[in-house]
Amino acid sequence: MRINRGEYEQIGKDANKLRRMRTNWKRCEQNVENANKSEKMRTNCGECEQI
């Protein structure tokens, strides 16, 4: 199967996005365990819930 460069770049972007979401999700779980984390962590947790 051949894919053109544009499609390949899009796949790469999607993969990076998923990786970031997964990282945010891990941060969420840590934040739930430790409610004293920074405000930034709480914001990331909100992003997770929207996913």
N, C-alpha and C. Protein backbone atom coordinates (compact mmCIF):
# COMPACT_ATOMS: atom_id res chain seq x y z
N MET A 1 0.84 -1.20 0.00
CA MET A 1 0.00 0.00 0.00
C MET A 1 0.88 1.25 0.00
N ARG A 2 0.60 2.13 -0.94
CA ARG A 2 1.39 3.37 -1.00
C ARG A 2 0.55 4.53 -0.49
N ILE A 3 1.16 5.37 0.32
CA ILE A 3 0.46 6.58 0.77
C ILE A 3 1.31 7.78 0.42
N ASN A 4 0.66 8.85 0.03
CA ASN A 4 1.44 10.03 -0.34
C ASN A 4 1.93 10.75 0.91
N ARG A 5 2.83 11.69 0.67
CA ARG A 5 3.48 12.38 1.78
C ARG A 5 2.49 13.11 2.69
N GLY A 6 1.48 13.74 2.11
CA GLY A 6 0.49 14.46 2.91
C GLY A 6 -0.24 13.54 3.87
N GLU A 7 -0.65 12.37 3.36
CA GLU A 7 -1.33 11.41 4.23
C GLU A 7 -0.39 10.92 5.33
N TYR A 8 0.86 10.68 4.95
CA TYR A 8 1.84 10.18 5.91
C TYR A 8 2.04 11.18 7.04
N GLU A 9 2.15 12.46 6.69
CA GLU A 9 2.32 13.51 7.71
C GLU A 9 1.10 13.58 8.62
N GLN A 10 -0.09 13.41 8.03
CA GLN A 10 -1.32 13.45 8.83
C GLN A 10 -1.33 12.30 9.83
N ILE A 11 -0.93 11.11 9.37
CA ILE A 11 -0.87 9.95 10.27
C ILE A 11 0.10 10.24 11.42
N GLY A 12 1.24 10.84 11.10
CA GLY A 12 2.21 11.21 12.12
C GLY A 12 1.64 12.18 13.14
N LYS A 13 0.90 13.18 12.64
CA LYS A 13 0.28 14.16 13.54
C LYS A 13 -0.74 13.50 14.45
N ASP A 14 -1.57 12.61 13.86
CA ASP A 14 -2.58 11.91 14.65
C ASP A 14 -1.92 11.06 15.74
N ALA A 15 -0.82 10.38 15.38
CA ALA A 15 -0.11 9.54 16.34
C ALA A 15 0.44 10.39 17.48
N ASN A 16 1.01 11.55 17.14
CA ASN A 16 1.54 12.44 18.17
C ASN A 16 0.43 12.95 19.08
N LYS A 17 -0.72 13.24 18.48
CA LYS A 17 -1.86 13.73 19.25
C LYS A 17 -2.31 12.66 20.24
N LEU A 18 -2.41 11.42 19.76
CA LEU A 18 -2.81 10.32 20.64
C LEU A 18 -1.81 10.14 21.77
N ARG A 19 -0.53 10.24 21.44
CA ARG A 19 0.51 10.09 22.45
C ARG A 19 0.37 11.18 23.51
N ARG A 20 0.11 12.42 23.06
CA ARG A 20 -0.08 13.53 24.00
C ARG A 20 -1.31 13.30 24.88
N MET A 21 -2.40 12.82 24.26
CA MET A 21 -3.62 12.55 25.03
C MET A 21 -3.34 11.51 26.10
N ARG A 22 -2.58 10.48 25.72
CA ARG A 22 -2.26 9.42 26.67
C ARG A 22 -1.45 9.99 27.83
N THR A 23 -0.51 10.88 27.51
CA THR A 23 0.29 11.52 28.55
C THR A 23 -0.59 12.34 29.46
N ASN A 24 -1.51 13.12 28.86
CA ASN A 24 -2.44 13.92 29.66
C ASN A 24 -3.29 13.03 30.55
N TRP A 25 -3.70 11.89 30.01
CA TRP A 25 -4.54 10.98 30.78
C TRP A 25 -3.78 10.47 32.01
N LYS A 26 -2.50 10.14 31.82
CA LYS A 26 -1.68 9.70 32.96
C LYS A 26 -1.59 10.81 33.99
N ARG A 27 -1.43 12.04 33.53
CA ARG A 27 -1.37 13.18 34.45
C ARG A 27 -2.68 13.31 35.20
N CYS A 28 -3.78 13.09 34.50
CA CYS A 28 -5.10 13.15 35.15
C CYS A 28 -5.17 12.17 36.30
N GLU A 29 -4.76 10.93 36.02
CA GLU A 29 -4.85 9.90 37.04
C GLU A 29 -4.00 10.27 38.25
N GLN A 30 -2.82 10.83 37.99
CA GLN A 30 -1.97 11.27 39.10
C GLN A 30 -2.65 12.39 39.86
N ASN A 31 -3.30 13.28 39.12
CA ASN A 31 -3.96 14.42 39.74
C ASN A 31 -5.11 13.97 40.62
N VAL A 32 -5.83 12.96 40.19
CA VAL A 32 -6.93 12.43 40.99
C VAL A 32 -6.37 11.84 42.29
N GLU A 33 -5.22 11.15 42.17
CA GLU A 33 -4.59 10.57 43.36
C GLU A 33 -4.04 11.64 44.29
N ASN A 34 -3.55 12.72 43.71
CA ASN A 34 -2.93 13.76 44.52
C ASN A 34 -3.56 15.11 44.17
N ALA A 35 -4.58 15.48 44.91
CA ALA A 35 -5.37 16.68 44.61
C ALA A 35 -4.58 17.97 44.82
N ASN A 36 -3.38 17.89 45.39
CA ASN A 36 -2.58 19.08 45.65
C ASN A 36 -1.66 19.47 44.50
N LYS A 37 -1.83 18.85 43.33
CA LYS A 37 -1.01 19.21 42.17
C LYS A 37 -1.34 20.63 41.71
N SER A 38 -0.50 21.14 40.82
CA SER A 38 -0.67 22.52 40.34
C SER A 38 -1.95 22.72 39.54
N GLU A 39 -2.31 23.98 39.36
CA GLU A 39 -3.51 24.35 38.59
C GLU A 39 -3.43 23.82 37.16
N LYS A 40 -2.22 23.80 36.61
CA LYS A 40 -2.01 23.34 35.24
C LYS A 40 -2.46 21.88 35.08
N MET A 41 -2.14 21.07 36.07
CA MET A 41 -2.54 19.67 36.04
C MET A 41 -4.05 19.56 36.01
N ARG A 42 -4.71 20.38 36.79
CA ARG A 42 -6.17 20.34 36.83
C ARG A 42 -6.76 20.69 35.47
N THR A 43 -6.13 21.64 34.78
CA THR A 43 -6.57 22.01 33.43
C THR A 43 -6.42 20.82 32.50
N ASN A 44 -5.28 20.13 32.57
CA ASN A 44 -5.06 18.94 31.74
C ASN A 44 -6.12 17.89 32.02
N CYS A 45 -6.51 17.76 33.27
CA CYS A 45 -7.52 16.79 33.64
C CYS A 45 -8.84 17.12 32.95
N GLY A 46 -9.17 18.40 32.89
CA GLY A 46 -10.38 18.83 32.19
C GLY A 46 -10.33 18.46 30.72
N GLU A 47 -9.15 18.60 30.10
CA GLU A 47 -8.99 18.23 28.69
C GLU A 47 -9.24 16.74 28.52
N CYS A 48 -8.75 15.93 29.45
CA CYS A 48 -8.94 14.48 29.36
C CYS A 48 -10.40 14.12 29.33
N GLU A 49 -11.16 14.75 30.20
CA GLU A 49 -12.58 14.41 30.32
C GLU A 49 -13.34 14.72 29.04
N GLN A 50 -12.85 15.70 28.27
CA GLN A 50 -13.51 16.06 27.01
C GLN A 50 -13.21 15.05 25.91
N ILE A 51 -12.08 14.36 26.01
CA ILE A 51 -11.65 13.43 24.96
C ILE A 51 -12.63 12.28 24.85
